[in-house]
Protein backbone atom coordinates (compact mmCIF):
# COMPACT_ATOMS: atom_id res chain seq x y z
CA UNK A 1 0.00 0.00 0.00
CA UNK A 2 2.91 2.30 0.74
CA UNK A 3 4.22 1.86 -2.81
CA UNK A 4 0.81 2.64 -4.32
CA UNK A 5 0.57 5.81 -2.23
CA UNK A 6 4.02 6.86 -3.40
CA UNK A 7 3.15 6.23 -7.06
CA UNK A 8 -0.11 8.20 -6.76
CA UNK A 9 1.65 11.08 -4.96
CA UNK A 10 4.47 11.23 -7.51
CA UNK A 11 2.09 11.00 -10.47
CA UNK A 12 -0.21 13.74 -9.20
CA UNK A 13 2.72 15.84 -7.99
CA UNK A 14 4.48 15.78 -11.35
CA UNK A 15 1.20 16.34 -13.22
CA UNK A 16 0.41 19.44 -11.17
CA UNK A 17 3.97 20.77 -11.33
CA UNK A 18 3.89 20.47 -15.11
CA UNK A 19 0.37 21.84 -15.47
CA UNK A 20 1.06 24.79 -13.19
CA UNK A 21 4.34 25.63 -14.92
CA UNK A 22 2.85 25.43 -18.42
CA UNK A 23 -0.19 27.51 -17.46
CA UNK A 24 2.03 30.11 -15.79
CA UNK A 25 4.25 30.35 -18.87
CA UNK A 26 1.19 30.76 -21.12
CA UNK A 27 -1.03 32.71 -18.75
CA UNK A 28 -2.61 34.82 -21.53
CA UNK A 29 -3.78 31.68 -23.35
CA UNK A 30 -4.99 30.18 -20.08
CA UNK A 31 -6.85 33.41 -19.22
CA UNK A 32 -8.71 33.15 -22.55
CA UNK A 33 -9.66 29.54 -21.71
CA UNK A 34 -11.04 30.77 -18.39
CA UNK A 35 -12.99 33.48 -20.23
CA UNK A 36 -14.74 30.89 -22.43
CA UNK A 37 -16.41 29.33 -19.38
CA UNK A 38 -18.47 32.54 -18.95
CA UNK A 39 -18.25 32.31 -15.15
CA UNK A 40 -15.92 35.18 -14.17
CA UNK A 41 -15.95 38.88 -15.02
CA UNK A 42 -13.38 39.97 -17.62
CA UNK A 43 -11.21 41.74 -15.03
CA UNK A 44 -10.77 38.37 -13.22
CA UNK A 45 -9.49 36.32 -16.15
CA UNK A 46 -5.78 37.17 -15.96
CA UNK A 47 -5.51 37.19 -12.13
CA UNK A 48 -7.42 33.87 -11.99
CA UNK A 49 -5.04 32.37 -14.54
CA UNK A 50 -2.04 33.42 -12.47
CA UNK A 51 -3.50 32.27 -9.14
CA UNK A 52 -4.64 28.89 -10.49
CA UNK A 53 -1.22 28.32 -12.07
CA UNK A 54 0.52 29.07 -8.78
CA UNK A 55 -1.88 26.88 -6.80
CA UNK A 56 -1.34 23.97 -9.19
CA UNK A 57 2.44 24.36 -9.01
CA UNK A 58 2.23 24.61 -5.21
CA UNK A 59 0.02 21.52 -4.99
CA UNK A 60 2.51 19.59 -7.11
CA UNK A 61 5.39 20.68 -4.92
CA UNK A 62 3.55 19.78 -1.71
CA UNK A 63 2.66 16.34 -3.07
CA UNK A 64 6.31 15.54 -3.74
CA UNK A 65 7.40 16.27 -0.15
CA UNK A 66 6.36 13.43 2.19
CA UNK A 67 5.66 15.65 5.22
CA UNK A 68 3.44 18.04 3.23
CA UNK A 69 1.72 15.47 1.04
CA UNK A 70 -1.61 15.78 2.89
CA UNK A 71 -1.63 19.55 2.26
CA UNK A 72 -0.94 18.97 -1.42
CA UNK A 73 -3.72 16.39 -1.67
CA UNK A 74 -6.12 18.78 0.08
CA UNK A 75 -5.19 21.57 -2.34
CA UNK A 76 -5.70 19.21 -5.29
CA UNK A 77 -9.19 18.34 -4.00
CA UNK A 78 -10.02 22.03 -3.68
CA UNK A 79 -8.81 22.71 -7.23
CA UNK A 80 -10.68 19.69 -8.57
CA UNK A 81 -13.89 20.88 -6.94
CA UNK A 82 -13.49 24.19 -8.72
CA UNK A 83 -12.63 22.53 -12.05
CA UNK A 84 -15.51 20.04 -11.79
CA UNK A 85 -17.93 22.91 -11.12
CA UNK A 86 -16.64 24.81 -14.17
CA UNK A 87 -16.73 21.74 -16.44
CA UNK A 88 -20.16 20.67 -15.17
CA UNK A 89 -21.72 24.07 -15.73
CA UNK A 90 -20.13 24.32 -19.18
CA UNK A 91 -21.65 20.96 -20.13
CA UNK A 92 -25.05 21.89 -18.71
CA UNK A 93 -25.05 25.17 -20.62
CA UNK A 94 -24.03 23.42 -23.83
CA UNK A 95 -20.75 25.31 -24.24
CA UNK A 96 -18.41 23.83 -26.83
CA UNK A 97 -15.02 24.93 -25.51
CA UNK A 98 -11.59 23.55 -24.72
CA UNK A 99 -11.34 22.41 -21.11
CA UNK A 100 -8.24 24.57 -20.58
CA UNK A 101 -6.55 21.73 -18.72
CA UNK A 102 -3.30 22.35 -20.56
CA UNK A 103 -2.48 25.08 -23.07
CA UNK A 104 -2.49 23.76 -26.60
CA UNK A 105 -5.47 21.48 -26.03
CA UNK A 106 -7.79 23.40 -28.30
CA UNK A 107 -10.26 20.66 -29.17
CA UNK A 108 -13.59 22.09 -28.15
CA UNK A 109 -16.20 19.37 -28.09
CA UNK A 110 -18.72 17.99 -25.61
CA UNK A 111 -16.86 14.66 -25.69
CA UNK A 112 -13.59 16.38 -24.76
CA UNK A 113 -15.33 18.17 -21.87
CA UNK A 114 -16.83 14.89 -20.63
CA UNK A 115 -13.39 13.29 -20.81
CA UNK A 116 -11.90 16.19 -18.82
CA UNK A 117 -14.68 15.89 -16.23
CA UNK A 118 -14.03 12.17 -15.68
CA UNK A 119 -10.27 12.77 -15.65
CA UNK A 120 -10.82 15.30 -12.85
CA UNK A 121 -12.97 12.78 -10.96
CA UNK A 122 -10.11 10.25 -11.21
CA UNK A 123 -7.61 12.86 -9.99
CA UNK A 124 -9.95 13.67 -7.09
CA UNK A 125 -10.10 10.00 -6.14
CA UNK A 126 -6.31 9.82 -6.20
CA UNK A 127 -6.03 12.87 -3.93
CA UNK A 128 -8.69 11.47 -1.59
CA UNK A 129 -6.74 8.19 -1.45
CA UNK A 130 -3.67 10.12 -0.28
CA UNK A 131 -5.72 11.65 2.53
CA UNK A 132 -6.89 8.29 3.85
CA UNK A 133 -5.24 7.37 7.16
CA UNK A 134 -2.56 4.72 7.00
CA UNK A 135 -3.29 1.70 9.14
CA UNK A 136 -0.32 0.72 11.24
CA UNK A 137 0.45 -2.94 11.50
CA UNK A 138 -0.05 -4.35 14.96
CA UNK A 139 2.01 -7.27 16.09
């Protein structure tokens, strides 16, 4: 079980480090992806892009450090809640947009949004797994 936890933590940690770094380096493109969700006011797009990028990078960093892994997993769950809300409302409103998960993913289709939604559910389950208490073996 310890090995599985390590693999999940490393996978999510590296994913969020990469995602945060790429979004930060292309914050204008990411801000436009945020705009397409029609949730935030225009003045929020760029600051939201920067904050989300930093939170993702921070979550990735925290997940890679054993003593802060629970904080990273908690931050991932918070981010996933926000992303699932945005994706869910986009699907319900019939928006045909790119999920904005990573810059360069410009395929805007309902199928792509559904895939992104289920991917975020899987990431949430991974983060929740990392928050589960570890049972200590009793002799």
